[in-house]
């Protein structure tokens, strides 16, 4: 991989992200996968990806959802995502648990 392949202005705009997967040791594994058009798939750890100048303020951390299993994706007050600038959004709209029953015969 040479330096000119990593000067994508669109990718430079993507930053302040939180990468997380709820499995042991996940943060040390490959987390960035990129497939430039017509080329082989490239995979990187966040640390290596940041060396190219991308996601320089992004982190690998548990976002600390209020209740992941209960599908409450609001962030706890001490969430590292909030420190990155994420905001809790109103999740009272959208499809409800009753939605599938509405369409059954």
N, C-alpha and C. Protein backbone atom coordinates (compact mmCIF):
# COMPACT_ATOMS: atom_id res chain seq x y z
N UNK A 1 0.84 -1.18 0.00
CA UNK A 1 0.00 0.00 0.00
C UNK A 1 0.88 1.24 0.00
N UNK A 2 0.74 2.08 -1.00
CA UNK A 2 1.57 3.29 -1.00
C UNK A 2 0.75 4.50 -0.52
N UNK A 3 1.48 5.57 -0.25
CA UNK A 3 0.86 6.75 0.35
C UNK A 3 -0.21 7.38 -0.53
N UNK A 4 -0.06 7.35 -1.84
CA UNK A 4 -1.03 7.99 -2.71
C UNK A 4 -2.37 7.27 -2.70
N UNK A 5 -2.37 6.00 -2.37
CA UNK A 5 -3.62 5.26 -2.30
C UNK A 5 -4.44 5.65 -1.08
N UNK A 6 -3.84 6.37 -0.16
CA UNK A 6 -4.53 6.76 1.06
C UNK A 6 -4.70 8.27 1.17
N UNK A 7 -5.10 8.88 0.08
CA UNK A 7 -5.37 10.31 0.08
C UNK A 7 -6.79 10.56 -0.42
N UNK A 8 -7.72 9.82 0.11
CA UNK A 8 -9.12 9.92 -0.30
C UNK A 8 -9.79 11.02 0.51
N UNK A 9 -10.18 12.14 -0.12
CA UNK A 9 -10.78 13.26 0.62
C UNK A 9 -12.09 12.90 1.31
N UNK A 10 -12.86 11.98 0.74
CA UNK A 10 -14.12 11.57 1.37
C UNK A 10 -13.81 10.85 2.68
N UNK A 11 -12.87 9.92 2.65
CA UNK A 11 -12.52 9.18 3.86
C UNK A 11 -11.94 10.11 4.93
N UNK A 12 -11.27 11.17 4.51
CA UNK A 12 -10.71 12.12 5.49
C UNK A 12 -11.82 12.81 6.30
N UNK A 13 -13.03 12.91 5.72
CA UNK A 13 -14.14 13.56 6.40
C UNK A 13 -14.79 12.66 7.45
N UNK A 14 -14.58 11.36 7.35
CA UNK A 14 -15.20 10.41 8.28
C UNK A 14 -14.33 10.33 9.53
N UNK A 15 -14.88 10.73 10.67
CA UNK A 15 -14.10 10.80 11.89
C UNK A 15 -15.04 10.81 13.09
N UNK A 16 -14.48 10.74 14.28
CA UNK A 16 -15.23 10.74 15.54
C UNK A 16 -16.23 9.58 15.59
N UNK A 17 -15.76 8.40 15.23
CA UNK A 17 -16.58 7.19 15.27
C UNK A 17 -16.18 6.32 16.44
N UNK A 18 -17.08 5.44 16.82
CA UNK A 18 -16.78 4.46 17.86
C UNK A 18 -17.01 3.09 17.24
N UNK A 19 -15.99 2.26 17.30
CA UNK A 19 -16.05 0.91 16.75
C UNK A 19 -16.17 -0.06 17.91
N UNK A 20 -17.12 -1.00 17.80
CA UNK A 20 -17.33 -1.93 18.90
C UNK A 20 -18.08 -3.15 18.44
N UNK A 21 -17.70 -4.27 19.00
CA UNK A 21 -18.40 -5.55 18.78
C UNK A 21 -18.37 -6.28 20.11
N UNK A 22 -19.52 -6.72 20.62
CA UNK A 22 -19.54 -7.34 21.95
C UNK A 22 -18.99 -8.76 21.98
N UNK A 23 -17.70 -8.91 21.68
CA UNK A 23 -17.06 -10.21 21.81
C UNK A 23 -15.65 -10.02 22.34
N UNK A 24 -15.17 -10.93 23.15
CA UNK A 24 -13.84 -10.79 23.76
C UNK A 24 -12.73 -10.64 22.72
N UNK A 25 -11.82 -9.72 22.96
CA UNK A 25 -10.67 -9.52 22.10
C UNK A 25 -10.96 -8.85 20.78
N UNK A 26 -12.19 -8.40 20.55
CA UNK A 26 -12.56 -7.86 19.25
C UNK A 26 -11.74 -6.62 18.89
N UNK A 27 -11.46 -5.78 19.86
CA UNK A 27 -10.75 -4.53 19.58
C UNK A 27 -9.37 -4.72 18.99
N UNK A 28 -8.76 -5.88 19.23
CA UNK A 28 -7.43 -6.13 18.69
C UNK A 28 -7.49 -6.71 17.28
N UNK A 29 -8.65 -7.08 16.83
CA UNK A 29 -8.80 -7.67 15.50
C UNK A 29 -9.00 -6.60 14.44
N UNK A 30 -8.98 -7.02 13.20
CA UNK A 30 -9.22 -6.12 12.08
C UNK A 30 -10.60 -5.49 12.21
N UNK A 31 -10.66 -4.20 12.03
CA UNK A 31 -11.97 -3.55 12.13
C UNK A 31 -12.31 -2.70 10.93
N UNK A 32 -11.33 -2.35 10.12
CA UNK A 32 -11.59 -1.54 8.94
C UNK A 32 -11.38 -2.43 7.72
N UNK A 33 -12.38 -2.53 6.88
CA UNK A 33 -12.25 -3.28 5.63
C UNK A 33 -12.55 -2.32 4.50
N UNK A 34 -11.67 -2.28 3.54
CA UNK A 34 -11.81 -1.36 2.42
C UNK A 34 -11.54 -2.12 1.13
N UNK A 35 -12.36 -1.90 0.14
CA UNK A 35 -12.14 -2.55 -1.16
C UNK A 35 -12.19 -1.49 -2.24
N UNK A 36 -11.02 -0.92 -2.57
CA UNK A 36 -11.00 0.06 -3.65
C UNK A 36 -11.47 -0.58 -4.95
N UNK A 37 -12.15 0.18 -5.75
CA UNK A 37 -12.70 -0.34 -7.01
C UNK A 37 -11.62 -1.06 -7.83
N UNK A 38 -11.90 -2.31 -8.16
CA UNK A 38 -11.00 -3.08 -9.00
C UNK A 38 -9.76 -3.60 -8.30
N UNK A 39 -9.73 -3.50 -6.97
CA UNK A 39 -8.55 -3.95 -6.24
C UNK A 39 -8.94 -5.00 -5.19
N UNK A 40 -7.93 -5.55 -4.56
CA UNK A 40 -8.15 -6.54 -3.50
C UNK A 40 -8.67 -5.86 -2.25
N UNK A 41 -9.38 -6.61 -1.42
CA UNK A 41 -9.87 -6.11 -0.15
C UNK A 41 -8.70 -5.87 0.79
N UNK A 42 -8.74 -4.74 1.46
CA UNK A 42 -7.71 -4.38 2.43
C UNK A 42 -8.36 -4.38 3.81
N UNK A 43 -7.65 -4.86 4.82
CA UNK A 43 -8.17 -4.83 6.18
C UNK A 43 -7.12 -4.24 7.11
N UNK A 44 -7.60 -3.48 8.09
CA UNK A 44 -6.71 -2.77 8.99
C UNK A 44 -7.26 -2.75 10.41
N UNK A 45 -6.36 -2.65 11.36
CA UNK A 45 -6.78 -2.31 12.72
C UNK A 45 -7.03 -0.80 12.71
N UNK A 46 -7.74 -0.29 13.70
CA UNK A 46 -7.97 1.14 13.75
C UNK A 46 -6.64 1.89 13.86
N UNK A 47 -5.71 1.36 14.63
CA UNK A 47 -4.41 2.02 14.79
C UNK A 47 -3.71 2.19 13.44
N UNK A 48 -3.68 1.14 12.63
CA UNK A 48 -3.05 1.22 11.31
C UNK A 48 -3.82 2.19 10.41
N UNK A 49 -5.14 2.12 10.44
CA UNK A 49 -5.98 3.01 9.63
C UNK A 49 -5.70 4.47 9.97
N UNK A 50 -5.52 4.75 11.26
CA UNK A 50 -5.24 6.11 11.70
C UNK A 50 -3.88 6.60 11.21
N UNK A 51 -2.95 5.69 11.00
CA UNK A 51 -1.64 6.06 10.48
C UNK A 51 -1.74 6.63 9.06
N UNK A 52 -2.81 6.28 8.34
CA UNK A 52 -3.05 6.84 7.01
C UNK A 52 -3.74 8.20 7.10
N UNK A 53 -4.11 8.62 8.30
CA UNK A 53 -4.77 9.91 8.49
C UNK A 53 -6.28 9.84 8.53
N UNK A 54 -6.84 8.63 8.61
CA UNK A 54 -8.29 8.46 8.66
C UNK A 54 -8.75 8.16 10.09
N UNK A 55 -9.97 8.59 10.41
CA UNK A 55 -10.56 8.28 11.72
C UNK A 55 -9.60 8.61 12.86
N UNK A 56 -8.90 9.70 12.75
CA UNK A 56 -7.86 10.01 13.72
C UNK A 56 -8.40 10.28 15.13
N UNK A 57 -9.67 10.63 15.24
CA UNK A 57 -10.28 10.87 16.55
C UNK A 57 -11.26 9.77 16.93
N UNK A 58 -11.30 8.69 16.16
CA UNK A 58 -12.20 7.57 16.43
C UNK A 58 -11.56 6.63 17.44
N UNK A 59 -12.39 5.82 18.10
CA UNK A 59 -11.90 4.90 19.13
C UNK A 59 -12.57 3.53 19.01
N UNK A 60 -11.96 2.55 19.64
CA UNK A 60 -12.57 1.24 19.82
C UNK A 60 -12.99 1.19 21.29
N UNK A 61 -14.29 1.13 21.53
CA UNK A 61 -14.79 1.11 22.91
C UNK A 61 -16.25 0.69 22.93
N UNK A 62 -16.68 0.16 24.05
CA UNK A 62 -18.09 -0.15 24.26
C UNK A 62 -18.85 1.17 24.35
N UNK A 63 -19.85 1.40 23.49
CA UNK A 63 -20.60 2.66 23.54
C UNK A 63 -21.49 2.80 24.78
N UNK A 64 -21.66 1.70 25.50
CA UNK A 64 -22.44 1.68 26.74
C UNK A 64 -23.90 2.07 26.51
N UNK A 65 -24.60 1.21 25.76
CA UNK A 65 -26.03 1.41 25.58
C UNK A 65 -26.75 1.15 26.89
N UNK A 66 -27.88 1.79 27.09
CA UNK A 66 -28.66 1.61 28.31
C UNK A 66 -29.04 0.14 28.47
N UNK A 67 -29.56 -0.50 27.42
CA UNK A 67 -29.96 -1.91 27.51
C UNK A 67 -29.91 -2.52 26.11
N UNK A 68 -28.74 -3.00 25.74
CA UNK A 68 -28.54 -3.56 24.40
C UNK A 68 -29.50 -4.71 24.12
N UNK A 69 -29.59 -5.66 25.04
CA UNK A 69 -30.47 -6.82 24.82
C UNK A 69 -31.94 -6.43 24.77
N UNK A 70 -32.31 -5.38 25.48
CA UNK A 70 -33.68 -4.87 25.46
C UNK A 70 -33.91 -3.87 24.35
N UNK A 71 -32.92 -3.69 23.48
CA UNK A 71 -32.97 -2.79 22.34
C UNK A 71 -33.18 -1.33 22.71
N UNK A 72 -32.63 -0.94 23.86
CA UNK A 72 -32.65 0.46 24.28
C UNK A 72 -31.25 1.01 23.96
N UNK A 73 -31.14 1.68 22.84
CA UNK A 73 -29.85 2.13 22.33
C UNK A 73 -29.47 3.54 22.77
N UNK A 74 -30.19 4.05 23.76
CA UNK A 74 -29.74 5.32 24.33
C UNK A 74 -28.40 5.07 25.00
N UNK A 75 -27.61 6.12 25.12
CA UNK A 75 -26.29 5.99 25.71
C UNK A 75 -26.32 6.34 27.19
N UNK A 76 -25.60 5.56 27.99
CA UNK A 76 -25.47 5.88 29.41
C UNK A 76 -24.69 7.18 29.56
N UNK A 77 -24.90 7.90 30.67
CA UNK A 77 -24.24 9.21 30.84
C UNK A 77 -22.71 9.17 30.75
N UNK A 78 -22.09 8.05 31.10
CA UNK A 78 -20.62 7.97 31.06
C UNK A 78 -20.11 7.28 29.80
N UNK A 79 -20.93 7.20 28.77
CA UNK A 79 -20.56 6.56 27.50
C UNK A 79 -19.42 7.31 26.82
N UNK A 80 -18.42 6.58 26.32
CA UNK A 80 -17.35 7.24 25.57
C UNK A 80 -17.87 7.85 24.26
N UNK A 81 -18.98 7.36 23.75
CA UNK A 81 -19.56 7.92 22.53
C UNK A 81 -20.00 9.37 22.76
N UNK A 82 -20.52 9.67 23.93
CA UNK A 82 -20.94 11.04 24.24
C UNK A 82 -19.73 11.98 24.24
N UNK A 83 -18.58 11.48 24.70
CA UNK A 83 -17.36 12.29 24.71
C UNK A 83 -16.89 12.60 23.30
N UNK A 84 -17.26 11.74 22.33
CA UNK A 84 -16.90 11.98 20.93
C UNK A 84 -17.86 12.96 20.25
N UNK A 85 -18.98 13.26 20.91
CA UNK A 85 -19.95 14.18 20.33
C UNK A 85 -21.26 13.55 19.93
N UNK A 86 -21.40 12.23 20.14
CA UNK A 86 -22.69 11.58 19.85
C UNK A 86 -23.75 12.18 20.77
N UNK A 87 -24.98 12.19 20.30
CA UNK A 87 -26.10 12.67 21.10
C UNK A 87 -27.16 11.58 21.15
N UNK A 88 -27.81 11.44 22.29
CA UNK A 88 -28.95 10.53 22.37
C UNK A 88 -30.06 11.11 21.51
N UNK A 89 -30.75 10.25 20.77
CA UNK A 89 -31.85 10.70 19.94
C UNK A 89 -33.16 10.09 20.44
N UNK A 90 -34.24 10.75 20.14
CA UNK A 90 -35.57 10.26 20.51
C UNK A 90 -35.85 8.97 19.76
N UNK A 91 -36.03 7.90 20.50
CA UNK A 91 -36.28 6.60 19.89
C UNK A 91 -37.72 6.14 20.09
N UNK A 92 -38.59 7.07 20.40
CA UNK A 92 -39.98 6.70 20.64
C UNK A 92 -40.78 6.59 19.34
N UNK A 93 -40.20 6.91 18.22
CA UNK A 93 -40.88 6.83 16.94
C UNK A 93 -40.38 5.62 16.17
N UNK A 94 -41.01 5.33 15.06
CA UNK A 94 -40.59 4.21 14.22
C UNK A 94 -41.43 2.97 14.46
N UNK A 95 -40.95 1.83 13.99
CA UNK A 95 -41.69 0.58 14.13
C UNK A 95 -41.74 0.17 15.59
N UNK A 96 -42.87 -0.30 16.03
CA UNK A 96 -43.02 -0.76 17.40
C UNK A 96 -43.08 -2.28 17.43
N UNK A 97 -43.07 -2.85 18.61
CA UNK A 97 -43.15 -4.30 18.75
C UNK A 97 -44.46 -4.86 18.19
N UNK A 98 -45.50 -4.03 18.12
CA UNK A 98 -46.79 -4.48 17.62
C UNK A 98 -46.83 -4.52 16.09
N UNK A 99 -45.88 -3.92 15.41
CA UNK A 99 -45.91 -3.81 13.95
C UNK A 99 -46.14 -5.14 13.24
N UNK A 100 -45.39 -6.20 13.55
CA UNK A 100 -45.63 -7.44 12.80
C UNK A 100 -47.06 -7.97 12.95
N UNK A 101 -47.66 -7.83 14.11
CA UNK A 101 -49.01 -8.33 14.33
C UNK A 101 -50.03 -7.58 13.47
N UNK A 102 -49.77 -6.35 13.15
CA UNK A 102 -50.71 -5.56 12.36
C UNK A 102 -50.90 -6.17 10.97
N UNK A 103 -49.92 -6.87 10.45
CA UNK A 103 -49.94 -7.36 9.09
C UNK A 103 -50.21 -8.86 8.98
N UNK A 104 -50.44 -9.50 10.10
CA UNK A 104 -50.75 -10.93 10.07
C UNK A 104 -52.23 -11.14 9.85
N UNK A 105 -52.58 -12.24 9.22
CA UNK A 105 -54.00 -12.55 8.97
C UNK A 105 -54.56 -13.38 10.10
